[in-house]
Amino acid sequence: MKNGVPCSCGCGAHANHAPEFRVPAAKAVLSLANLPVGVTATILKVLPGLRGRKKFADVGLVAGTELTVEAYAPFGGLIRVKFMDTSMALHRDDAAGILLQRGESAE
């Protein structure tokens, strides 16, 4: 806390530190970069500060969107995902900033 003002992320630290996204422990959360091929999941959050966040929102990669990983590039640089009748490739670094919850049938 700084001058009695708690951090906006709810951690109780001072107001000037970088906020972190906190997820309730009850949810099984993973990043898009760690989702196995063929598994369907729902986007929980696209982290702030992610390169290309607005572009992802423009094509429909927003909270609540269901997606499936179709393939990984042979050397791990790109991930191909399918969502809303669209297939697109993302860099693994960008995919790490998209938090997901696995679908009911995937667990």
PDB file of N, CA and C in Angstrom:
ATOM      1  N   MET A   1       0.827  -1.178   0.000  1.00  0.00           N
ATOM      2  CA  MET A   1       0.000   0.000   0.000  1.00  0.00           C
ATOM      3  C   MET A   1       0.869   1.240   0.000  1.00  0.00           C
ATOM      4  N   LYS A   2       0.430   2.223  -0.720  1.00  0.00           N
ATOM      5  CA  LYS A   2       1.145   3.486  -0.742  1.00  0.00           C
ATOM      6  C   LYS A   2       0.161   4.565  -0.318  1.00  0.00           C
ATOM      7  N   ASN A   3       0.469   5.234   0.769  1.00  0.00           N
ATOM      8  CA  ASN A   3      -0.415   6.272   1.300  1.00  0.00           C
ATOM      9  C   ASN A   3      -1.833   5.746   1.526  1.00  0.00           C
ATOM     10  N   GLY A   4      -1.932   4.486   1.965  1.00  0.00           N
ATOM     11  CA  GLY A   4      -3.242   3.920   2.240  1.00  0.00           C
ATOM     12  C   GLY A   4      -4.018   3.471   1.015  1.00  0.00           C
ATOM     13  N   VAL A   5      -3.384   3.507  -0.179  1.00  0.00           N
ATOM     14  CA  VAL A   5      -4.068   3.120  -1.416  1.00  0.00           C
ATOM     15  C   VAL A   5      -3.588   1.734  -1.817  1.00  0.00           C
ATOM     16  N   PRO A   6      -4.474   0.730  -1.776  1.00  0.00           N
ATOM     17  CA  PRO A   6      -4.052  -0.617  -2.182  1.00  0.00           C
ATOM     18  C   PRO A   6      -3.897  -0.712  -3.704  1.00  0.00           C
ATOM     19  N   CYS A   7      -3.146  -1.691  -4.102  1.00  0.00           N
ATOM     20  CA  CYS A   7      -2.952  -1.937  -5.528  1.00  0.00           C
ATOM     21  C   CYS A   7      -4.272  -2.312  -6.189  1.00  0.00           C
ATOM     22  N   SER A   8      -4.422  -1.959  -7.450  1.00  0.00           N
ATOM     23  CA  SER A   8      -5.660  -2.251  -8.178  1.00  0.00           C
ATOM     24  C   SER A   8      -5.853  -3.737  -8.455  1.00  0.00           C
ATOM     25  N   CYS A   9      -4.795  -4.543  -8.369  1.00  0.00           N
ATOM     26  CA  CYS A   9      -4.948  -5.972  -8.640  1.00  0.00           C
ATOM     27  C   CYS A   9      -5.434  -6.741  -7.419  1.00  0.00           C
ATOM     28  N   GLY A  10      -5.504  -6.067  -6.262  1.00  0.00           N
ATOM     29  CA  GLY A  10      -6.030  -6.719  -5.077  1.00  0.00           C
ATOM     30  C   GLY A  10      -5.012  -7.491  -4.271  1.00  0.00           C
ATOM     31  N   CYS A  11      -3.727  -7.337  -4.570  1.00  0.00           N
ATOM     32  CA  CYS A  11      -2.709  -8.097  -3.851  1.00  0.00           C
ATOM     33  C   CYS A  11      -2.347  -7.476  -2.513  1.00  0.00           C
ATOM     34  N   GLY A  12      -2.739  -6.220  -2.292  1.00  0.00           N
ATOM     35  CA  GLY A  12      -2.432  -5.550  -1.040  1.00  0.00           C
ATOM     36  C   GLY A  12      -1.091  -4.847  -1.053  1.00  0.00           C
ATOM     37  N   ALA A  13      -0.367  -4.920  -2.141  1.00  0.00           N
ATOM     38  CA  ALA A  13       0.934  -4.255  -2.253  1.00  0.00           C
ATOM     39  C   ALA A  13       0.734  -2.772  -2.546  1.00  0.00           C
ATOM     40  N   HIS A  14       1.840  -2.089  -2.733  1.00  0.00           N
ATOM     41  CA  HIS A  14       1.761  -0.659  -3.019  1.00  0.00           C
ATOM     42  C   HIS A  14       1.136  -0.414  -4.385  1.00  0.00           C
ATOM     43  N   ALA A  15       0.676   0.800  -4.614  1.00  0.00           N
ATOM     44  CA  ALA A  15      -0.084   1.134  -5.822  1.00  0.00           C
ATOM     45  C   ALA A  15       0.782   1.247  -7.068  1.00  0.00           C
ATOM     46  N   ASN A  16       2.113   1.252  -6.948  1.00  0.00           N
ATOM     47  CA  ASN A  16       2.964   1.469  -8.122  1.00  0.00           C
ATOM     48  C   ASN A  16       3.518   0.202  -8.752  1.00  0.00           C
ATOM     49  N   HIS A  17       3.240  -0.976  -8.196  1.00  0.00           N
ATOM     50  CA  HIS A  17       3.791  -2.177  -8.834  1.00  0.00           C
ATOM     51  C   HIS A  17       2.915  -2.602 -10.008  1.00  0.00           C
ATOM     52  N   ALA A  18       3.473  -3.393 -10.880  1.00  0.00           N
ATOM     53  CA  ALA A  18       2.732  -3.861 -12.057  1.00  0.00           C
ATOM     54  C   ALA A  18       1.644  -4.831 -11.607  1.00  0.00           C
ATOM     55  N   PRO A  19       0.380  -4.588 -11.986  1.00  0.00           N
ATOM     56  CA  PRO A  19      -0.690  -5.501 -11.580  1.00  0.00           C
ATOM     57  C   PRO A  19      -0.540  -6.863 -12.237  1.00  0.00           C
ATOM     58  N   GLU A  20      -0.976  -7.878 -11.534  1.00  0.00           N
ATOM     59  CA  GLU A  20      -0.933  -9.242 -12.050  1.00  0.00           C
ATOM     60  C   GLU A  20      -2.348  -9.753 -12.161  1.00  0.00           C
ATOM     61  N   PHE A  21      -2.573 -10.659 -13.095  1.00  0.00           N
ATOM     62  CA  PHE A  21      -3.885 -11.274 -13.226  1.00  0.00           C
ATOM     63  C   PHE A  21      -3.950 -12.424 -12.240  1.00  0.00           C
ATOM     64  N   ARG A  22      -4.925 -12.403 -11.371  1.00  0.00           N
ATOM     65  CA  ARG A  22      -5.091 -13.472 -10.389  1.00  0.00           C
ATOM     66  C   ARG A  22      -6.334 -14.275 -10.728  1.00  0.00           C
ATOM     67  N   VAL A  23      -6.189 -15.593 -10.713  1.00  0.00           N
ATOM     68  CA  VAL A  23      -7.267 -16.503 -11.079  1.00  0.00           C
ATOM     69  C   VAL A  23      -7.685 -17.274  -9.839  1.00  0.00           C
ATOM     70  N   PRO A  24      -8.980 -17.430  -9.601  1.00  0.00           N
ATOM     71  CA  PRO A  24      -9.414 -18.251  -8.467  1.00  0.00           C
ATOM     72  C   PRO A  24      -8.816 -19.648  -8.560  1.00  0.00           C
ATOM     73  N   ALA A  25      -8.399 -20.192  -7.419  1.00  0.00           N
ATOM     74  CA  ALA A  25      -7.726 -21.491  -7.398  1.00  0.00           C
ATOM     75  C   ALA A  25      -8.620 -22.629  -7.879  1.00  0.00           C
ATOM     76  N   ALA A  26      -9.932 -22.463  -7.836  1.00  0.00           N
ATOM     77  CA  ALA A  26     -10.850 -23.537  -8.215  1.00  0.00           C
ATOM     78  C   ALA A  26     -10.827 -23.830  -9.717  1.00  0.00           C
ATOM     79  N   LYS A  27     -10.393 -22.874 -10.521  1.00  0.00           N
ATOM     80  CA  LYS A  27     -10.397 -23.071 -11.973  1.00  0.00           C
ATOM     81  C   LYS A  27      -9.055 -23.628 -12.441  1.00  0.00           C
ATOM     82  N   ALA A  28      -9.106 -24.583 -13.351  1.00  0.00           N
ATOM     83  CA  ALA A  28      -7.889 -25.122 -13.954  1.00  0.00           C
ATOM     84  C   ALA A  28      -7.545 -24.235 -15.141  1.00  0.00           C
ATOM     85  N   VAL A  29      -6.543 -23.392 -14.971  1.00  0.00           N
ATOM     86  CA  VAL A  29      -6.192 -22.408 -15.988  1.00  0.00           C
ATOM     87  C   VAL A  29      -4.852 -22.764 -16.601  1.00  0.00           C
ATOM     88  N   LEU A  30      -4.768 -22.628 -17.914  1.00  0.00           N
ATOM     89  CA  LEU A  30      -3.514 -22.820 -18.616  1.00  0.00           C
ATOM     90  C   LEU A  30      -3.452 -21.810 -19.752  1.00  0.00           C
ATOM     91  N   SER A  31      -2.256 -21.621 -20.284  1.00  0.00           N
ATOM     92  CA  SER A  31      -2.121 -20.678 -21.394  1.00  0.00           C
ATOM     93  C   SER A  31      -2.319 -21.420 -22.712  1.00  0.00           C
ATOM     94  N   LEU A  32      -2.615 -20.675 -23.735  1.00  0.00           N
ATOM     95  CA  LEU A  32      -2.793 -21.258 -25.066  1.00  0.00           C
ATOM     96  C   LEU A  32      -1.511 -21.949 -25.518  1.00  0.00           C
ATOM     97  N   ALA A  33      -0.364 -21.453 -25.088  1.00  0.00           N
ATOM     98  CA  ALA A  33       0.913 -22.054 -25.467  1.00  0.00           C
ATOM     99  C   ALA A  33       1.075 -23.471 -24.916  1.00  0.00           C
ATOM    100  N   ASN A  34       0.320 -23.817 -23.869  1.00  0.00           N
ATOM    101  CA  ASN A  34       0.436 -25.136 -23.235  1.00  0.00           C
ATOM    102  C   ASN A  34      -0.718 -26.075 -23.538  1.00  0.00           C
ATOM    103  N   LEU A  35      -1.669 -25.638 -24.341  1.00  0.00           N
ATOM    104  CA  LEU A  35      -2.831 -26.466 -24.655  1.00  0.00           C
ATOM    105  C   LEU A  35      -2.453 -27.557 -25.665  1.00  0.00           C
ATOM    106  N   PRO A  36      -2.758 -28.816 -25.378  1.00  0.00           N
ATOM    107  CA  PRO A  36      -2.414 -29.897 -26.315  1.00  0.00           C
ATOM    108  C   PRO A  36      -3.227 -29.828 -27.618  1.00  0.00           C
ATOM    109  N   VAL A  37      -2.696 -30.420 -28.666  1.00  0.00           N
ATOM    110  CA  VAL A  37      -3.365 -30.465 -29.962  1.00  0.00           C
ATOM    111  C   VAL A  37      -4.670 -31.244 -29.835  1.00  0.00           C
ATOM    112  N   GLY A  38      -5.736 -30.695 -30.444  1.00  0.00           N
ATOM    113  CA  GLY A  38      -7.025 -31.357 -30.455  1.00  0.00           C
ATOM    114  C   GLY A  38      -7.911 -31.048 -29.264  1.00  0.00           C
ATOM    115  N   VAL A  39      -7.410 -30.327 -28.277  1.00  0.00           N
ATOM    116  CA  VAL A  39      -8.177 -30.019 -27.075  1.00  0.00           C
ATOM    117  C   VAL A  39      -8.907 -28.690 -27.257  1.00  0.00           C
ATOM    118  N   THR A  40     -10.162 -28.647 -26.823  1.00  0.00           N
ATOM    119  CA  THR A  40     -10.965 -27.437 -26.899  1.00  0.00           C
ATOM    120  C   THR A  40     -10.957 -26.743 -25.542  1.00  0.00           C
ATOM    121  N   ALA A  41     -10.856 -25.414 -25.558  1.00  0.00           N
ATOM    122  CA  ALA A  41     -10.845 -24.623 -24.325  1.00  0.00           C
ATOM    123  C   ALA A  41     -11.528 -23.288 -24.580  1.00  0.00           C
ATOM    124  N   THR A  42     -11.868 -22.601 -23.498  1.00  0.00           N
ATOM    125  CA  THR A  42     -12.514 -21.298 -23.577  1.00  0.00           C
ATOM    126  C   THR A  42     -11.562 -20.235 -23.046  1.00  0.00           C
ATOM    127  N   ILE A  43     -11.474 -19.108 -23.733  1.00  0.00           N
ATOM    128  CA  ILE A  43     -10.594 -18.021 -23.312  1.00  0.00           C
ATOM    129  C   ILE A  43     -11.179 -17.369 -22.061  1.00  0.00           C
ATOM    130  N   LEU A  44     -10.361 -17.291 -21.010  1.00  0.00           N
ATOM    131  CA  LEU A  44     -10.742 -16.592 -19.787  1.00  0.00           C
ATOM    132  C   LEU A  44     -10.315 -15.136 -19.847  1.00  0.00           C
ATOM    133  N   LYS A  45      -9.094 -14.895 -20.318  1.00  0.00           N
ATOM    134  CA  LYS A  45      -8.561 -13.537 -20.327  1.00  0.00           C
ATOM    135  C   LYS A  45      -7.401 -13.451 -21.301  1.00  0.00           C
ATOM    136  N   VAL A  46      -7.337 -12.328 -21.998  1.00  0.00           N
ATOM    137  CA  VAL A  46      -6.167 -11.975 -22.792  1.00  0.00           C
ATOM    138  C   VAL A  46      -5.424 -10.952 -21.949  1.00  0.00           C
ATOM    139  N   LEU A  47      -4.209 -11.283 -21.531  1.00  0.00           N
ATOM    140  CA  LEU A  47      -3.480 -10.436 -20.594  1.00  0.00           C
ATOM    141  C   LEU A  47      -3.208  -9.051 -21.159  1.00  0.00           C
ATOM    142  N   PRO A  48      -3.290  -8.034 -20.300  1.00  0.00           N
ATOM    143  CA  PRO A  48      -2.984  -6.668 -20.742  1.00  0.00           C
ATOM    144  C   PRO A  48      -1.517  -6.564 -21.160  1.00  0.00           C
ATOM    145  N   GLY A  49      -1.230  -5.703 -22.084  1.00  0.00           N
ATOM    146  CA  GLY A  49       0.139  -5.510 -22.543  1.00  0.00           C
ATOM    147  C   GLY A  49       0.587  -6.521 -23.581  1.00  0.00           C
ATOM    148  N   LEU A  50      -0.282  -7.426 -23.971  1.00  0.00           N
ATOM    149  CA  LEU A  50       0.069  -8.431 -24.970  1.00  0.00           C
ATOM    150  C   LEU A  50       0.196  -7.774 -26.339  1.00  0.00           C
ATOM    151  N   ARG A  51       1.297  -8.061 -27.002  1.00  0.00           N
ATOM    152  CA  ARG A  51       1.511  -7.522 -28.345  1.00  0.00           C
ATOM    153  C   ARG A  51       0.380  -7.992 -29.257  1.00  0.00           C
ATOM    154  N   GLY A  52      -0.264  -7.078 -29.943  1.00  0.00           N
ATOM    155  CA  GLY A  52      -1.326  -7.442 -30.868  1.00  0.00           C
ATOM    156  C   GLY A  52      -2.666  -7.713 -30.216  1.00  0.00           C
ATOM    157  N   ARG A  53      -2.852  -7.293 -28.963  1.00  0.00           N
ATOM    158  CA  ARG A  53      -4.099  -7.575 -28.250  1.00  0.00           C
ATOM    159  C   ARG A  53      -5.322  -7.052 -28.999  1.00  0.00           C
ATOM    160  N   LYS A  54      -5.230  -5.847 -29.551  1.00  0.00           N
ATOM    161  CA  LYS A  54      -6.346  -5.275 -30.287  1.00  0.00           C
ATOM    162  C   LYS A  54      -6.639  -6.077 -31.556  1.00  0.00           C
ATOM    163  N   LYS A  55      -5.604  -6.522 -32.229  1.00  0.00           N
ATOM    164  CA  LYS A  55      -5.804  -7.334 -33.435  1.00  0.00           C
ATOM    165  C   LYS A  55      -6.484  -8.655 -33.092  1.00  0.00           C
ATOM    166  N   PHE A  56      -6.098  -9.258 -31.966  1.00  0.00           N
ATOM    167  CA  PHE A  56      -6.742 -10.498 -31.544  1.00  0.00           C
ATOM    168  C   PHE A  56      -8.220 -10.251 -31.269  1.00  0.00           C
ATOM    169  N   ALA A  57      -8.527  -9.137 -30.621  1.00  0.00           N
ATOM    170  CA  ALA A  57      -9.931  -8.803 -30.338  1.00  0.00           C
ATOM    171  C   ALA A  57     -10.702  -8.576 -31.633  1.00  0.00           C
ATOM    172  N   ASP A  58     -10.066  -7.955 -32.619  1.00  0.00           N
ATOM    173  CA  ASP A  58     -10.723  -7.684 -33.900  1.00  0.00           C
ATOM    174  C   ASP A  58     -11.128  -8.963 -34.628  1.00  0.00           C
ATOM    175  N   VAL A  59     -10.355 -10.041 -34.469  1.00  0.00           N
ATOM    176  CA  VAL A  59     -10.693 -11.292 -35.150  1.00  0.00           C
ATOM    177  C   VAL A  59     -11.523 -12.233 -34.282  1.00  0.00           C
ATOM    178  N   GLY A  60     -11.743 -11.856 -33.020  1.00  0.00           N
ATOM    179  CA  GLY A  60     -12.614 -12.653 -32.165  1.00  0.00           C
ATOM    180  C   GLY A  60     -11.945 -13.402 -31.037  1.00  0.00           C
ATOM    181  N   LEU A  61     -10.643 -13.212 -30.824  1.00  0.00           N
ATOM    182  CA  LEU A  61      -9.965 -13.864 -29.703  1.00  0.00           C
ATOM    183  C   LEU A  61     -10.162 -13.013 -28.451  1.00  0.00           C
ATOM    184  N   VAL A  62     -11.318 -13.184 -27.823  1.00  0.00           N
ATOM    185  CA  VAL A  62     -11.677 -12.437 -26.617  1.00  0.00           C
ATOM    186  C   VAL A  62     -12.203 -13.417 -25.577  1.00  0.00           C
ATOM    187  N   ALA A  63     -12.372 -12.947 -24.360  1.00  0.00           N
ATOM    188  CA  ALA A  63     -12.893 -13.794 -23.286  1.00  0.00           C
ATOM    189  C   ALA A  63     -14.239 -14.392 -23.694  1.00  0.00           C
ATOM    190  N   GLY A  64     -14.378 -15.689 -23.450  1.00  0.00           N
ATOM    191  CA  GLY A  64     -15.611 -16.396 -23.788  1.00  0.00           C
ATOM    192  C   GLY A  64     -15.566 -17.153 -25.105  1.00  0.00           C
ATOM    193  N   THR A  65     -14.558 -16.890 -25.924  1.00  0.00           N
ATOM    194  CA  THR A  65     -14.430 -17.572 -27.211  1.00  0.00           C
ATOM    195  C   THR A  65     -13.880 -18.980 -26.997  1.00  0.00           C
ATOM    196  N   GLU A  66     -14.483 -19.951 -27.654  1.00  0.00           N
ATOM    197  CA  GLU A  66     -14.018 -21.328 -27.590  1.00  0.00           C
ATOM    198  C   GLU A  66     -13.072 -21.576 -28.756  1.00  0.00           C
ATOM    199  N   LEU A  67     -11.954 -22.248 -28.490  1.00  0.00           N
ATOM    200  CA  LEU A  67     -10.984 -22.527 -29.556  1.00  0.00           C
ATOM    201  C   LEU A  67     -10.386 -23.905 -29.384  1.00  0.00           C
ATOM    202  N   THR A  68      -9.772 -24.383 -30.465  1.00  0.00           N
ATOM    203  CA  THR A  68      -9.114 -25.689 -30.482  1.00  0.00           C
ATOM    204  C   THR A  68      -7.748 -25.535 -31.121  1.00  0.00           C
ATOM    205  N   VAL A  69      -6.729 -26.147 -30.531  1.00  0.00           N
ATOM    206  CA  VAL A  69      -5.394 -26.144 -31.126  1.00  0.00           C
ATOM    207  C   VAL A  69      -5.381 -27.193 -32.224  1.00  0.00           C
ATOM    208  N   GLU A  70      -5.034 -26.783 -33.437  1.00  0.00           N
ATOM    209  CA  GLU A  70      -4.982 -27.710 -34.567  1.00  0.00           C
ATOM    210  C   GLU A  70      -3.596 -28.314 -34.754  1.00  0.00           C
ATOM    211  N   ALA A  71      -2.545 -27.516 -34.545  1.00  0.00           N
ATOM    212  CA  ALA A  71      -1.196 -28.029 -34.780  1.00  0.00           C
ATOM    213  C   ALA A  71      -0.160 -27.087 -34.188  1.00  0.00           C
ATOM    214  N   TYR A  72       1.015 -27.640 -33.947  1.00  0.00           N
ATOM    215  CA  TYR A  72       2.188 -26.862 -33.559  1.00  0.00           C
ATOM    216  C   TYR A  72       3.199 -26.929 -34.688  1.00  0.00           C
ATOM    217  N   ALA A  73       3.922 -25.837 -34.912  1.00  0.00           N
ATOM    218  CA  ALA A  73       4.987 -25.844 -35.920  1.00  0.00           C
ATOM    219  C   ALA A  73       6.088 -26.801 -35.452  1.00  0.00           C
ATOM    220  N   PRO A  74       6.823 -27.404 -36.374  1.00  0.00           N
ATOM    221  CA  PRO A  74       7.834 -28.402 -36.011  1.00  0.00           C
ATOM    222  C   PRO A  74       8.870 -27.918 -35.002  1.00  0.00           C
ATOM    223  N   PHE A  75       9.262 -26.660 -35.048  1.00  0.00           N
ATOM    224  CA  PHE A  75      10.292 -26.165 -34.136  1.00  0.00           C
ATOM    225  C   PHE A  75       9.699 -25.283 -33.045  1.00  0.00           C
ATOM    226  N   GLY A  76       8.386 -25.325 -32.853  1.00  0.00           N
ATOM    227  CA  GLY A  76       7.746 -24.687 -31.725  1.00  0.00           C
ATOM    228  C   GLY A  76       7.498 -23.199 -31.810  1.00  0.00           C
ATOM    229  N   GLY A  77       7.660 -22.573 -32.965  1.00  0.00           N
ATOM    230  CA  GLY A  77       7.474 -21.131 -33.066  1.00  0.00           C
ATOM    231  C   GLY A  77       6.034 -20.699 -33.214  1.00  0.00           C
ATOM    232  N   LEU A  78       5.252 -21.460 -33.971  1.00  0.00           N
ATOM    233  CA  LEU A  78       3.866 -21.077 -34.241  1.00  0.00           C
ATOM    234  C   LEU A  78       2.883 -22.142 -33.753  1.00  0.00           C
ATOM    235  N   ILE A  79       1.676 -21.662 -33.443  1.00  0.00           N
ATOM    236  CA  ILE A  79       0.579 -22.534 -33.030  1.00  0.00           C
ATOM    237  C   ILE A  79      -0.607 -22.199 -33.923  1.00  0.00           C
ATOM    238  N   ARG A  80      -1.211 -23.228 -34.535  1.00  0.00           N
ATOM    239  CA  ARG A  80      -2.408 -22.989 -35.358  1.00  0.00           C
ATOM    240  C   ARG A  80      -3.646 -23.324 -34.530  1.00  0.00           C
ATOM    241  N   VAL A  81      -4.551 -22.338 -34.433  1.00  0.00           N
ATOM    242  CA  VAL A  81      -5.775 -22.518 -33.651  1.00  0.00           C
ATOM    243  C   VAL A  81      -6.992 -22.319 -34.534  1.00  0.00           C
ATOM    244  N   LYS A  82      -8.079 -22.991 -34.165  1.00  0.00           N
ATOM    245  CA  LYS A  82      -9.348 -22.862 -34.882  1.00  0.00           C
ATOM    246  C   LYS A  82     -10.383 -22.320 -33.910  1.00  0.00           C
ATOM    247  N   PHE A  83     -11.081 -21.271 -34.333  1.00  0.00           N
ATOM    248  CA  PHE A  83     -12.152 -20.674 -33.536  1.00  0.00           C
ATOM    249  C   PHE A  83     -13.113 -19.985 -34.477  1.00  0.00           C
ATOM    250  N   MET A  84     -14.403 -20.051 -34.170  1.00  0.00           N
ATOM    251  CA  MET A  84     -15.448 -19.401 -34.962  1.00  0.00           C
ATOM    252  C   MET A  84     -15.264 -19.582 -36.470  1.00  0.00           C
ATOM    253  N   ASP A  85     -15.086 -20.799 -36.943  1.00  0.00           N
ATOM    254  CA  ASP A  85     -14.904 -21.106 -38.371  1.00  0.00           C
ATOM    255  C   ASP A  85     -13.695 -20.424 -38.984  1.00  0.00           C
ATOM    256  N   THR A  86     -12.720 -20.061 -38.167  1.00  0.00           N
ATOM    257  CA  THR A  86     -11.492 -19.406 -38.626  1.00  0.00           C
ATOM    258  C   THR A  86     -10.306 -20.204 -38.126  1.00  0.00           C
ATOM    259  N   SER A  87      -9.269 -20.272 -38.925  1.00  0.00           N
ATOM    260  CA  SER A  87      -8.028 -20.892 -38.505  1.00  0.00           C
ATOM    261  C   SER A  87      -6.921 -19.860 -38.658  1.00  0.00           C
ATOM    262  N   MET A  88      -6.117 -19.689 -37.595  1.00  0.00           N
ATOM    263  CA  MET A  88      -5.030 -18.721 -37.685  1.00  0.00           C
ATOM    264  C   MET A  88      -3.827 -19.216 -36.903  1.00  0.00           C
ATOM    265  N   ALA A  89      -2.661 -18.702 -37.262  1.00  0.00           N
ATOM    266  CA  ALA A  89      -1.425 -19.064 -36.577  1.00  0.00           C
ATOM    267  C   ALA A  89      -1.016 -17.924 -35.652  1.00  0.00           C
ATOM    268  N   LEU A  90      -0.553 -18.303 -34.453  1.00  0.00           N
ATOM    269  CA  LEU A  90      -0.076 -17.346 -33.462  1.00  0.00           C
ATOM    270  C   LEU A  90       1.347 -17.716 -33.064  1.00  0.00           C
ATOM    271  N   HIS A  91       2.135 -16.720 -32.715  1.00  0.00           N
ATOM    272  CA  HIS A  91       3.455 -16.994 -32.146  1.00  0.00           C
ATOM    273  C   HIS A  91       3.274 -17.542 -30.740  1.00  0.00           C
ATOM    274  N   ARG A  92       4.147 -18.430 -30.337  1.00  0.00           N
ATOM    275  CA  ARG A  92       4.059 -19.041 -29.011  1.00  0.00           C
ATOM    276  C   ARG A  92       4.146 -17.978 -27.905  1.00  0.00           C
ATOM    277  N   ASP A  93       4.940 -16.942 -28.095  1.00  0.00           N
ATOM    278  CA  ASP A  93       5.054 -15.872 -27.089  1.00  0.00           C
ATOM    279  C   ASP A  93       3.719 -15.159 -26.898  1.00  0.00           C
ATOM    280  N   ASP A  94       2.997 -14.920 -27.985  1.00  0.00           N
ATOM    281  CA  ASP A  94       1.683 -14.286 -27.895  1.00  0.00           C
ATOM    282  C   ASP A  94       0.671 -15.234 -27.265  1.00  0.00           C
ATOM    283  N   ALA A  95       0.746 -16.506 -27.616  1.00  0.00           N
ATOM    284  CA  ALA A  95      -0.189 -17.497 -27.092  1.00  0.00           C
ATOM    285  C   ALA A  95      -0.034 -17.667 -25.581  1.00  0.00           C
ATOM    286  N   ALA A  96       1.157 -17.418 -25.057  1.00  0.00           N
ATOM    287  CA  ALA A  96       1.381 -17.542 -23.615  1.00  0.00           C
ATOM    288  C   ALA A  96       0.599 -16.489 -22.830  1.00  0.00           C
ATOM    289  N   GLY A  97       0.190 -15.408 -23.474  1.00  0.00           N
ATOM    290  CA  GLY A  97      -0.572 -14.355 -22.815  1.00  0.00           C
ATOM    291  C   GLY A  97      -2.074 -14.525 -22.914  1.00  0.00           C
ATOM    292  N   ILE A  98      -2.526 -15.657 -23.437  1.00  0.00           N
ATOM    293  CA  ILE A  98      -3.962 -15.937 -23.537  1.00  0.00           C
ATOM    294  C   ILE A  98      -4.275 -17.076 -22.572  1.00  0.00           C
ATOM    295  N   LEU A  99      -5.036 -16.766 -21.513  1.00  0.00           N
ATOM    296  CA  LEU A  99      -5.354 -17.742 -20.489  1.00  0.00           C
ATOM    297  C   LEU A  99      -6.662 -18.450 -20.810  1.00  0.00           C
ATOM    298  N   LEU A 100      -6.667 -19.765 -20.631  1.00  0.00           N
ATOM    299  CA  LEU A 100      -7.793 -20.612 -21.023  1.00  0.00           C
ATOM    300  C   LEU A 100      -8.272 -21.487 -19.886  1.00  0.00           C
ATOM    301  N   GLN A 101      -9.498 -21.954 -20.026  1.00  0.00           N
ATOM    302  CA  GLN A 101     -10.031 -23.011 -19.175  1.00  0.00           C
ATOM    303  C   GLN A 101     -10.471 -24.130 -20.095  1.00  0.00           C
ATOM    304  N   ARG A 102      -9.999 -25.330 -19.826  1.00  0.00           N
ATOM    305  CA  ARG A 102     -10.348 -26.480 -20.675  1.00  0.00           C
ATOM    306  C   ARG A 102     -11.844 -26.722 -20.650  1.00  0.00           C
ATOM    307  N   GLY A 103     -12.347 -27.196 -21.790  1.00  0.00           N
ATOM    308  CA  GLY A 103     -13.770 -27.532 -21.886  1.00  0.00           C
ATOM    309  C   GLY A 103     -14.095 -28.754 -21.056  1.00  0.00           C
ATOM    310  N   GLU A 104     -15.376 -28.958 -20.757  1.00  0.00           N
ATOM    311  CA  GLU A 104     -15.833 -30.090 -19.945  1.00  0.00           C
ATOM    312  C   GLU A 104     -15.435 -31.420 -20.559  1.00  0.00           C
ATOM    313  N   SER A 105     -15.558 -31.538 -21.872  1.00  0.00           N
ATOM    314  CA  SER A 105     -15.271 -32.806 -22.530  1.00  0.00           C
ATOM    315  C   SER A 105     -13.776 -33.085 -22.635  1.00  0.00           C
ATOM    316  N   ALA A 106     -12.933 -32.060 -22.475  1.00  0.00           N
ATOM    317  CA  ALA A 106     -11.494 -32.223 -22.637  1.00  0.00           C
ATOM    318  C   ALA A 106     -10.821 -32.763 -21.399  1.00  0.00           C
ATOM    319  N   GLU A 107     -11.454 -32.708 -20.244  1.00  0.00           N
ATOM    320  CA  GLU A 107     -10.774 -33.103 -19.013  1.00  0.00           C
ATOM    321  C   GLU A 107     -10.874 -34.565 -18.734  1.00  0.00           C
TER     322      GLU A 107
END
